[in-house]
Protein backbone atom coordinates (compact mmCIF):
# COMPACT_ATOMS: atom_id res chain seq x y z
CA UNK A 1 0.01 -15.49 -22.13
CA UNK A 2 2.30 -15.76 -19.27
CA UNK A 3 0.42 -16.53 -15.97
CA UNK A 4 1.68 -15.43 -12.50
CA UNK A 5 -0.02 -16.50 -9.32
CA UNK A 6 -0.17 -15.06 -5.94
CA UNK A 7 -1.49 -17.30 -3.05
CA UNK A 8 -2.84 -15.15 -0.32
CA UNK A 9 -2.58 -18.19 2.06
CA UNK A 10 1.17 -17.20 1.97
CA UNK A 11 0.73 -13.47 1.99
CA UNK A 12 -0.23 -11.90 5.32
CA UNK A 13 0.09 -8.20 4.28
CA UNK A 14 0.77 -5.78 1.67
CA UNK A 15 4.56 -5.74 2.25
CA UNK A 16 4.78 -9.18 1.49
CA UNK A 17 2.76 -8.89 -1.69
CA UNK A 18 5.04 -6.27 -2.93
CA UNK A 19 7.97 -8.53 -1.95
CA UNK A 20 6.63 -11.40 -3.90
CA UNK A 21 5.62 -9.35 -6.89
CA UNK A 22 9.15 -8.04 -7.35
CA UNK A 23 10.41 -11.51 -6.92
CA UNK A 24 7.97 -13.23 -9.27
CA UNK A 25 8.32 -10.50 -12.00
CA UNK A 26 12.05 -10.44 -11.59
CA UNK A 27 12.11 -6.65 -10.90
CA UNK A 28 15.92 -5.94 -10.36
CA UNK A 29 15.76 -2.18 -9.64
CA UNK A 30 14.83 -0.93 -6.25
CA UNK A 31 11.21 -1.75 -6.26
CA UNK A 32 9.28 0.97 -4.41
CA UNK A 33 6.79 -1.29 -2.75
CA UNK A 34 3.97 1.23 -3.13
CA UNK A 35 1.09 1.88 -5.29
CA UNK A 36 2.97 4.23 -7.74
CA UNK A 37 5.73 1.60 -8.17
CA UNK A 38 3.10 -1.18 -8.68
CA UNK A 39 1.34 0.94 -11.27
CA UNK A 40 4.87 1.82 -13.02
CA UNK A 41 5.68 -1.97 -13.07
CA UNK A 42 2.23 -3.11 -14.62
CA UNK A 43 2.33 -0.42 -17.26
CA UNK A 44 5.94 -0.42 -18.20
CA UNK A 45 8.32 -2.86 -16.20
CA UNK A 46 7.00 -6.31 -16.70
CA UNK A 47 6.69 -8.41 -19.75
CA UNK A 48 3.25 -8.37 -21.38
CA UNK A 49 0.89 -10.00 -22.05
CA UNK A 50 0.40 -11.51 -18.49
CA UNK A 51 -2.37 -12.82 -16.41
CA UNK A 52 -2.20 -12.52 -12.54
CA UNK A 53 -4.13 -15.10 -10.62
CA UNK A 54 -5.06 -14.01 -7.01
CA UNK A 55 -5.78 -17.18 -5.25
CA UNK A 56 -7.58 -17.33 -1.80
CA UNK A 57 -7.92 -13.41 -1.49
CA UNK A 58 -11.38 -13.83 -0.16
CA UNK A 59 -10.34 -16.03 2.40
CA UNK A 60 -7.61 -13.73 3.72
CA UNK A 61 -8.35 -12.60 7.37
CA UNK A 62 -7.69 -8.97 6.36
CA UNK A 63 -8.44 -8.86 2.77
CA UNK A 64 -9.56 -5.07 2.91
CA UNK A 65 -5.74 -4.17 3.37
CA UNK A 66 -5.28 -5.19 -0.46
CA UNK A 67 -8.14 -3.07 -1.70
CA UNK A 68 -5.93 -0.33 -3.25
CA UNK A 69 -3.49 -2.94 -4.56
CA UNK A 70 -6.44 -4.64 -6.23
CA UNK A 71 -7.89 -1.22 -7.78
CA UNK A 72 -4.53 -0.32 -9.28
CA UNK A 73 -4.34 -3.87 -10.77
CA UNK A 74 -7.86 -3.58 -12.24
CA UNK A 75 -7.14 0.04 -13.52
CA UNK A 76 -4.02 -1.35 -15.30
CA UNK A 77 -6.20 -4.12 -16.80
CA UNK A 78 -8.51 -1.50 -18.20
CA UNK A 79 -5.53 0.71 -19.49
CA UNK A 80 -3.75 -2.10 -21.12
CA UNK A 81 -6.61 -3.39 -23.18
CA UNK A 82 -6.08 -7.02 -22.53
CA UNK A 83 -2.51 -7.36 -22.23
CA UNK A 84 -2.69 -7.46 -18.56
CA UNK A 85 -5.29 -9.54 -16.86
CA UNK A 86 -6.23 -10.11 -13.19
CA UNK A 87 -8.25 -13.33 -12.22
CA UNK A 88 -9.76 -13.89 -8.63
CA UNK A 89 -9.67 -17.66 -7.83
CA UNK A 90 -10.90 -19.51 -4.78
CA UNK A 91 -8.09 -22.00 -4.95
């Protein structure tokens, strides 16, 4: 299973998360940088299986801004029956 990590020490806002997401998953088309585009990417554009590790999210000053992004990832995790996993890690 491929592993991709996002370090929230380097992600100050949702826009930067989307930028890094498109970069790390090599999404070459015009990524919409919104929740619908994230869902489309997770359920049909990225190579599966994959585990996404979210580092330092709890330590992020404004972690609440990522609530909807995390919800979409967790929904994709349920929908894809183990082909996509999201892990929260302190470091």
